[in-house]
């Protein structure tokens, strides 16, 4: 009997414990689960939305997607995308980006299934709820590029407006560029000394815009040299640049009214090899001692070699390049330097052609917009760092989002 009473007492204790233990249950499963292609993107993102029946009982949401052929072979048919706050799928939806493109159609993804499950505050997981299949497609217009489109339209309109104003006779002034004003002085000095003028059009081919700008300036230098009866030498490192330089110099001699002074042999091709070309030019400078040296084009490691040799022979040196890493050497060793944009504006400055002047004036609006955006962005970012939860933080985020940040 004692054994029976012990068993009964044990069963009664277990029943009491079971009655007093808290009951655990998973929260309600997500509802209204859907997946839609995000509009205005490059075709690699989807918005997943869902509703949360019991937010207080839900700790997080698990978003998964089906494996596609573009993902390659894998053991699991489902890929976990993220574990997020359960309310992340409300309103606009949770953004899933970086989806692989279809092998059959690179402009879209394969059909993808998404499913969502909740995890309760007690760790219990609900059943997953599937969304209808969705295909992420590349759109014609990218919404995040709209601000860039607006800026492009404004700048283009300003350029066209200033070109029309310039054509109508309105005065368009560009600030004085000392390096270009020094061309007459440098060529005149070479004429007085009876020494040649050296023009180096960089070391790149005609597909480089810097070479094109350099050859444009060569036309002005050649015309001045023809008027002053100075000898001009143009060694080139590309055969096509040699041909373009010859045509440019010949046209300049015709424009100066002295076609008989054009000497084709003074414009010669040396070699494509960078330092082989530089060795020839440097040796020529030491032997011939030109009174004026012009370096206009794309330059790299050879910039200081050329400028130092010109400085050693006492030549007036005028340089121009858009290579920021080489500008310090030219500024240090040359008498005049065209810095960056001045180099590209030289054609309009020297020719005085109204369409080019109007174009440069219109581009100033783009610079003004860029400068204003930088200033406003810096101010908002500074104020947002001081007050991370204030209105400036929201304004800074919106400003960066507007410009695609």
Protein backbone atom coordinates (compact mmCIF):
# COMPACT_ATOMS: atom_id res chain seq x y z
CA UNK A 1 0.00 0.00 0.00
CA UNK A 2 2.86 2.35 0.76
CA UNK A 3 4.14 1.93 -2.81
CA UNK A 4 0.69 2.74 -4.21
CA UNK A 5 0.43 5.85 -2.04
CA UNK A 6 3.90 7.00 -3.22
CA UNK A 7 2.92 6.62 -6.87
CA UNK A 8 -0.30 8.53 -6.32
CA UNK A 9 1.51 11.31 -4.51
CA UNK A 10 4.06 11.58 -7.37
CA UNK A 11 1.31 11.77 -9.99
CA UNK A 12 -0.48 14.46 -7.99
CA UNK A 13 2.73 16.52 -7.76
CA UNK A 14 3.32 16.27 -11.50
CA UNK A 15 -0.26 17.31 -12.20
CA UNK A 16 0.13 20.35 -9.96
CA UNK A 17 3.33 21.37 -11.65
CA UNK A 18 1.72 21.00 -15.08
CA UNK A 19 -1.21 23.13 -13.99
CA UNK A 20 0.97 25.95 -12.68
CA UNK A 21 3.49 25.99 -15.65
CA UNK A 22 2.96 28.83 -18.16
CA UNK A 23 1.53 27.85 -21.53
CA UNK A 24 3.78 28.82 -24.52
CA UNK A 25 2.52 29.34 -28.06
CA UNK A 26 3.91 30.85 -31.24
CA UNK A 27 2.56 34.26 -32.29
CA UNK A 28 0.09 34.50 -35.18
CA UNK A 29 1.65 33.89 -38.59
CA UNK A 30 2.19 36.84 -40.97
CA UNK A 31 -0.68 37.85 -43.20
CA UNK A 32 -0.96 39.67 -46.54
CA UNK A 33 2.48 38.47 -47.64
CA UNK A 34 3.37 39.79 -51.10
CA UNK A 35 6.44 40.47 -53.22
CA UNK A 36 6.58 43.05 -56.02
CA UNK A 37 9.30 44.29 -58.33
CA UNK A 38 10.71 47.61 -57.15
CA UNK A 39 9.91 50.24 -59.77
CA UNK A 40 12.59 52.45 -61.29
CA UNK A 41 15.62 50.26 -60.57
CA UNK A 42 18.18 48.21 -62.47
CA UNK A 43 16.27 44.93 -62.07
CA UNK A 44 17.92 43.38 -59.01
CA UNK A 45 15.56 44.34 -56.18
CA UNK A 46 12.15 43.28 -54.85
CA UNK A 47 9.90 44.76 -52.16
CA UNK A 48 8.48 42.17 -49.73
CA UNK A 49 5.48 43.25 -47.67
CA UNK A 50 3.55 41.60 -44.83
CA UNK A 51 1.24 42.44 -41.95
CA UNK A 52 1.85 41.67 -38.25
CA UNK A 53 -1.32 40.54 -36.42
CA UNK A 54 0.26 40.66 -32.94
CA UNK A 55 3.25 43.04 -32.82
CA UNK A 56 3.68 42.71 -29.05
CA UNK A 57 4.14 38.93 -29.31
CA UNK A 58 6.49 39.02 -32.34
CA UNK A 59 10.24 39.48 -31.87
CA UNK A 60 11.51 39.28 -35.44
CA UNK A 61 10.64 38.25 -38.99
CA UNK A 62 12.58 35.78 -41.13
CA UNK A 63 12.54 36.39 -44.89
CA UNK A 64 13.55 33.61 -47.25
CA UNK A 65 13.61 33.23 -51.03
CA UNK A 66 13.71 30.25 -53.34
CA UNK A 67 16.94 29.19 -54.99
CA UNK A 68 17.08 29.90 -58.73
CA UNK A 69 19.19 28.53 -61.57
CA UNK A 70 21.31 31.69 -61.44
CA UNK A 71 22.27 30.87 -57.83
CA UNK A 72 23.88 27.63 -58.88
CA UNK A 73 23.62 24.24 -57.19
CA UNK A 74 22.97 24.08 -53.47
CA UNK A 75 21.69 21.72 -50.79
CA UNK A 76 18.88 23.92 -49.51
CA UNK A 77 16.00 24.91 -51.81
CA UNK A 78 15.46 28.09 -49.76
CA UNK A 79 17.95 30.86 -49.04
CA UNK A 80 17.54 32.98 -45.91
CA UNK A 81 17.60 36.64 -46.93
CA UNK A 82 17.48 38.36 -43.54
CA UNK A 83 16.13 38.43 -40.01
CA UNK A 84 14.55 41.83 -39.51
CA UNK A 85 12.20 43.76 -37.30
CA UNK A 86 8.67 42.42 -37.78
CA UNK A 87 7.40 45.87 -38.77
CA UNK A 88 10.00 46.18 -41.57
CA UNK A 89 7.52 44.79 -44.07
CA UNK A 90 4.88 47.39 -43.33
CA UNK A 91 4.19 50.49 -45.41
CA UNK A 92 6.77 50.56 -48.25
CA UNK A 93 7.96 47.02 -47.62
CA UNK A 94 11.31 45.38 -46.94
CA UNK A 95 13.82 45.83 -49.77
CA UNK A 96 15.62 42.69 -50.95
CA UNK A 97 18.43 43.69 -53.31
CA UNK A 98 21.27 41.93 -55.10
CA UNK A 99 19.06 39.34 -56.79
CA UNK A 100 20.87 37.43 -59.55
CA UNK A 101 19.91 37.99 -63.18
CA UNK A 102 18.49 35.18 -65.25
CA UNK A 103 20.93 33.38 -67.51
CA UNK A 104 18.34 33.45 -70.29
CA UNK A 105 17.50 37.15 -69.87
CA UNK A 106 20.12 39.39 -68.22
CA UNK A 107 17.58 42.21 -67.94
CA UNK A 108 15.42 40.27 -65.47
CA UNK A 109 15.63 37.62 -62.78
CA UNK A 110 14.15 34.14 -62.79
CA UNK A 111 10.73 33.84 -61.07
CA UNK A 112 11.42 33.92 -57.33
CA UNK A 113 9.26 32.78 -54.42
CA UNK A 114 9.47 34.65 -51.13
CA UNK A 115 8.17 33.46 -47.77
CA UNK A 116 8.02 35.03 -44.33
CA UNK A 117 7.86 33.53 -40.84
CA UNK A 118 7.72 35.17 -37.41
CA UNK A 119 9.63 34.33 -34.26
CA UNK A 120 7.82 35.09 -31.02
CA UNK A 121 9.21 36.71 -27.91
CA UNK A 122 9.49 33.22 -26.39
CA UNK A 123 11.50 31.90 -29.33
CA UNK A 124 8.68 29.96 -30.95
CA UNK A 125 8.59 30.15 -34.77
CA UNK A 126 5.40 30.36 -36.79
CA UNK A 127 4.64 28.57 -40.02
CA UNK A 128 5.95 30.26 -43.14
CA UNK A 129 3.60 32.09 -45.47
CA UNK A 130 4.46 32.23 -49.17
CA UNK A 131 4.05 35.14 -51.56
CA UNK A 132 3.20 34.78 -55.22
CA UNK A 133 6.21 34.38 -57.57
CA UNK A 134 7.83 37.65 -58.65
CA UNK A 135 10.29 38.63 -61.39
CA UNK A 136 12.70 41.55 -60.82
CA UNK A 137 12.94 43.46 -64.11
CA UNK A 138 15.26 46.19 -65.32
CA UNK A 139 13.28 49.41 -65.79
CA UNK A 140 13.66 52.00 -68.53
CA UNK A 141 14.06 54.87 -66.06
CA UNK A 142 16.09 54.74 -62.85
CA UNK A 143 14.31 56.89 -60.29
CA UNK A 144 17.48 57.53 -58.30
CA UNK A 145 19.00 59.19 -61.38
CA UNK A 146 16.22 61.78 -61.68
CA UNK A 147 18.22 64.47 -59.79
CA UNK A 148 21.11 63.92 -62.21
CA UNK A 149 18.70 64.25 -65.13
CA UNK A 150 17.39 67.54 -63.71
CA UNK A 151 20.92 68.91 -63.37
CA UNK A 152 21.78 67.79 -66.92
CA UNK A 153 18.69 69.51 -68.30
CA UNK A 154 19.49 72.73 -66.44
CA UNK A 155 23.13 72.76 -67.58
CA UNK A 156 22.21 71.88 -71.17
CA UNK A 157 19.58 74.61 -71.23
CA UNK A 158 22.09 77.12 -69.84
CA UNK A 159 24.68 76.14 -72.47
CA UNK A 160 22.18 76.50 -75.32
CA UNK A 161 20.90 79.81 -73.93
CA UNK A 162 24.39 81.30 -73.67
CA UNK A 163 25.32 80.07 -77.15
CA UNK A 164 22.24 81.81 -78.56
CA UNK A 165 23.02 84.96 -76.57
CA UNK A 166 26.60 84.94 -77.84
CA UNK A 167 25.42 84.51 -81.42
CA UNK A 168 23.05 87.43 -81.00
CA UNK A 169 26.01 89.68 -80.21
CA UNK A 170 26.00 89.72 -76.41
CA UNK A 171 29.48 90.12 -74.96
CA UNK A 172 30.82 86.95 -73.32
CA UNK A 173 33.93 87.54 -71.26
CA UNK A 174 36.38 84.96 -69.95
CA UNK A 175 38.94 85.88 -67.36
CA UNK A 176 42.48 86.44 -68.57
CA UNK A 177 44.63 83.29 -68.69
CA UNK A 178 48.27 84.29 -68.26
CA UNK A 179 49.69 81.10 -69.79
CA UNK A 180 47.91 81.73 -73.09
CA UNK A 181 48.77 85.41 -73.11
CA UNK A 182 52.44 84.39 -72.81
CA UNK A 183 52.48 82.60 -76.19
CA UNK A 184 53.37 85.76 -78.12
CA UNK A 185 56.03 86.66 -75.55
CA UNK A 186 57.65 83.21 -75.66
CA UNK A 187 57.68 82.94 -79.46
CA UNK A 188 58.90 86.52 -79.80
CA UNK A 189 61.78 85.81 -77.44
CA UNK A 190 62.76 82.75 -79.47
CA UNK A 191 62.75 84.85 -82.63
CA UNK A 192 64.94 87.53 -81.10
CA UNK A 193 67.45 84.93 -79.88
CA UNK A 194 67.45 83.03 -83.16
CA UNK A 195 66.61 79.79 -81.39
CA UNK A 196 63.77 77.31 -82.10
CA UNK A 197 60.41 76.84 -80.38
CA UNK A 198 59.71 73.34 -79.00
CA UNK A 199 56.15 72.02 -78.72
CA UNK A 200 55.51 68.65 -77.01
CA UNK A 201 51.88 67.42 -77.46
CA UNK A 202 52.01 64.84 -74.67
CA UNK A 203 52.56 61.10 -74.96
CA UNK A 204 49.03 59.86 -75.66
CA UNK A 205 47.23 59.26 -78.96
CA UNK A 206 44.48 61.35 -80.57
CA UNK A 207 41.79 59.39 -78.71
CA UNK A 208 42.84 61.24 -75.54
CA UNK A 209 41.01 64.56 -75.14
CA UNK A 210 44.15 66.13 -73.65
CA UNK A 211 46.02 65.46 -76.88
CA UNK A 212 43.21 67.06 -78.87
CA UNK A 213 43.36 70.14 -76.64
CA UNK A 214 47.15 70.25 -77.01
CA UNK A 215 46.98 70.10 -80.81
CA UNK A 216 44.41 72.92 -80.74
CA UNK A 217 46.86 75.14 -78.85
CA UNK A 218 49.58 74.04 -81.28
CA UNK A 219 47.62 75.81 -84.01
CA UNK A 220 47.94 79.14 -82.23
CA UNK A 221 51.63 78.60 -81.42
CA UNK A 222 52.34 77.62 -85.05
CA UNK A 223 50.53 80.67 -86.42
CA UNK A 224 52.47 83.00 -84.12
CA UNK A 225 55.74 81.26 -85.06
CA UNK A 226 54.91 81.68 -88.75
CA UNK A 227 54.17 85.39 -88.29
CA UNK A 228 57.42 85.90 -86.38
CA UNK A 229 59.40 83.62 -88.72
CA UNK A 230 60.48 81.39 -85.83
CA UNK A 231 61.45 77.74 -86.30
CA UNK A 232 58.97 75.35 -84.67
CA UNK A 233 59.82 71.74 -83.75
CA UNK A 234 57.13 69.21 -82.79
CA UNK A 235 58.43 65.73 -81.83
CA UNK A 236 55.54 63.26 -81.32
CA UNK A 237 55.26 59.84 -79.72
CA UNK A 238 52.32 58.68 -81.87
CA UNK A 239 52.14 58.52 -85.67
CA UNK A 240 48.53 59.74 -85.81
CA UNK A 241 49.44 62.70 -83.60
CA UNK A 242 52.23 63.50 -86.05
CA UNK A 243 49.76 63.56 -88.95
CA UNK A 244 47.30 65.76 -87.03
CA UNK A 245 50.09 68.10 -85.95
CA UNK A 246 51.36 68.46 -89.51
CA UNK A 247 47.91 69.38 -90.79
CA UNK A 248 47.41 71.83 -87.92
CA UNK A 249 50.77 73.56 -88.46
CA UNK A 250 50.28 73.72 -92.22
CA UNK A 251 46.85 75.33 -91.77
CA UNK A 252 48.38 77.82 -89.34
CA UNK A 253 51.02 78.83 -91.91
CA UNK A 254 48.32 79.36 -94.53
CA UNK A 255 46.29 81.42 -92.06
CA UNK A 256 49.38 83.55 -91.36
CA UNK A 257 49.84 84.11 -95.08
CA UNK A 258 53.20 82.32 -95.16
CA UNK A 259 52.66 78.84 -96.62
CA UNK A 260 56.20 78.76 -98.02
CA UNK A 261 57.70 78.66 -94.49
CA UNK A 262 55.98 75.40 -93.57
CA UNK A 263 58.53 72.62 -92.98
CA UNK A 264 57.01 69.15 -92.70
CA UNK A 265 60.27 67.60 -91.48
CA UNK A 266 60.19 69.66 -88.29
CA UNK A 267 57.17 67.62 -87.14
CA UNK A 268 58.39 64.07 -86.73
CA UNK A 269 57.44 60.79 -85.11
CA UNK A 270 60.02 59.47 -82.62
CA UNK A 271 58.80 56.34 -80.81
CA UNK A 272 55.81 55.01 -78.87
CA UNK A 273 58.07 53.99 -75.99
CA UNK A 274 57.63 56.49 -73.18
CA UNK A 275 61.18 57.00 -71.94
CA UNK A 276 62.74 56.45 -75.33
CA UNK A 277 60.69 59.41 -76.53
CA UNK A 278 61.58 61.48 -73.47
CA UNK A 279 65.30 60.69 -73.88
CA UNK A 280 65.18 62.00 -77.46
CA UNK A 281 63.33 65.19 -76.51
CA UNK A 282 65.60 65.87 -73.53
CA UNK A 283 68.71 65.36 -75.68
CA UNK A 284 67.30 67.61 -78.38
CA UNK A 285 66.64 70.32 -75.79
CA UNK A 286 70.23 70.18 -74.52
CA UNK A 287 71.69 70.31 -78.04
CA UNK A 288 69.36 72.85 -79.72
CA UNK A 289 68.56 74.93 -76.61
CA UNK A 290 65.08 76.13 -77.66
CA UNK A 291 64.16 79.54 -76.27
CA UNK A 292 60.52 78.57 -75.70
CA UNK A 293 59.12 75.19 -74.68
CA UNK A 294 55.44 74.28 -74.71
CA UNK A 295 54.18 71.10 -73.03
CA UNK A 296 50.48 70.63 -73.85
CA UNK A 297 48.78 67.26 -73.45
CA UNK A 298 48.81 64.14 -71.27
CA UNK A 299 52.00 63.72 -69.27
CA UNK A 300 53.07 61.25 -66.63
CA UNK A 301 56.47 60.43 -65.11
CA UNK A 302 58.30 62.33 -67.86
CA UNK A 303 56.83 65.71 -66.91
CA UNK A 304 59.59 66.64 -64.45
CA UNK A 305 62.34 65.37 -66.79
CA UNK A 306 61.15 67.68 -69.56
CA UNK A 307 60.46 70.67 -67.31
CA UNK A 308 63.79 70.42 -65.50
CA UNK A 309 65.72 70.24 -68.77
CA UNK A 310 63.87 73.27 -70.08
CA UNK A 311 64.57 75.13 -66.89
CA UNK A 312 68.28 74.22 -67.09
CA UNK A 313 68.66 75.72 -70.59
CA UNK A 314 66.86 78.92 -69.58
CA UNK A 315 63.82 78.52 -71.85
CA UNK A 316 60.46 80.17 -71.26
CA UNK A 317 58.19 77.22 -70.45
CA UNK A 318 54.41 77.04 -70.77
CA UNK A 319 52.71 73.79 -69.70
CA UNK A 320 49.16 72.53 -69.71
CA UNK A 321 47.69 69.20 -68.60
CA UNK A 322 44.68 67.73 -66.83
CA UNK A 323 46.76 65.13 -64.98
CA UNK A 324 46.47 66.30 -61.37
CA UNK A 325 49.46 64.22 -60.27
CA UNK A 326 51.78 66.02 -62.73
CA UNK A 327 50.60 69.59 -62.20
CA UNK A 328 52.86 70.22 -59.15
CA UNK A 329 55.96 69.48 -61.24
CA UNK A 330 54.89 71.82 -64.01
CA UNK A 331 53.94 74.56 -61.55
CA UNK A 332 57.34 74.27 -59.85
CA UNK A 333 59.50 74.16 -62.98
CA UNK A 334 57.58 76.15 -65.63
CA UNK A 335 56.93 79.87 -66.01
CA UNK A 336 53.23 79.44 -66.83
CA UNK A 337 50.87 76.51 -66.29
CA UNK A 338 47.37 75.80 -67.55
CA UNK A 339 45.68 74.00 -64.68
CA UNK A 340 42.93 71.51 -65.45
CA UNK A 341 39.95 73.28 -66.95
CA UNK A 342 42.01 76.20 -68.22
CA UNK A 343 43.66 73.70 -70.54
CA UNK A 344 40.33 72.67 -72.07
CA UNK A 345 39.06 76.24 -72.28
CA UNK A 346 42.13 77.32 -74.25
CA UNK A 347 40.48 76.63 -77.62
CA UNK A 348 37.62 79.03 -76.94
CA UNK A 349 39.94 81.57 -75.33
CA UNK A 350 42.33 81.67 -78.27
CA UNK A 351 39.78 81.51 -81.09
CA UNK A 352 37.15 83.81 -79.60
CA UNK A 353 34.53 81.70 -81.40
CA UNK A 354 31.13 82.65 -79.98
CA UNK A 355 29.65 79.16 -79.79
CA UNK A 356 32.59 77.94 -77.73
CA UNK A 357 32.53 80.99 -75.47
CA UNK A 358 28.79 80.55 -74.88
CA UNK A 359 29.31 76.88 -74.10
CA UNK A 360 31.94 77.67 -71.45
CA UNK A 361 29.70 80.31 -69.91
CA UNK A 362 26.76 77.90 -69.75
CA UNK A 363 28.87 75.25 -68.06
CA UNK A 364 29.48 77.66 -65.22
CA UNK A 365 25.91 76.96 -64.09
CA UNK A 366 26.82 73.30 -63.59
CA UNK A 367 29.79 74.31 -61.47
CA UNK A 368 27.58 76.63 -59.45
CA UNK A 369 25.06 73.83 -58.80
CA UNK A 370 27.84 71.43 -57.79
CA UNK A 371 29.44 73.97 -55.46
CA UNK A 372 26.09 74.86 -53.86
CA UNK A 373 25.23 71.16 -53.36
CA UNK A 374 28.58 70.53 -51.68
CA UNK A 375 28.18 73.49 -49.33
CA UNK A 376 24.58 72.59 -48.40
CA UNK A 377 25.51 68.92 -47.92
CA UNK A 378 28.46 69.74 -45.67
CA UNK A 379 26.37 72.12 -43.54
CA UNK A 380 23.52 69.60 -43.15
CA UNK A 381 25.93 66.76 -42.33
CA UNK A 382 27.65 68.90 -39.70
CA UNK A 383 24.37 69.92 -38.08
CA UNK A 384 23.14 66.31 -38.20
CA UNK A 385 26.26 65.13 -36.36
CA UNK A 386 25.56 67.71 -33.65
CA UNK A 387 21.90 66.74 -33.36
CA UNK A 388 21.55 63.11 -34.57
CA UNK A 389 17.82 62.91 -33.79
CA UNK A 390 16.77 66.40 -34.80
CA UNK A 391 15.30 67.86 -37.96
CA UNK A 392 18.75 68.36 -39.48
CA UNK A 393 19.42 64.61 -39.39
CA UNK A 394 16.30 63.98 -41.44
CA UNK A 395 17.16 66.82 -43.81
CA UNK A 396 20.68 65.45 -44.30
CA UNK A 397 19.35 61.96 -45.06
CA UNK A 398 16.81 63.33 -47.52
CA UNK A 399 19.45 65.49 -49.21
CA UNK A 400 21.79 62.53 -49.67
CA UNK A 401 18.92 60.37 -50.94
CA UNK A 402 17.99 63.06 -53.47
CA UNK A 403 21.48 62.96 -54.95
CA UNK A 404 21.62 59.17 -54.92
CA UNK A 405 23.60 58.80 -51.69
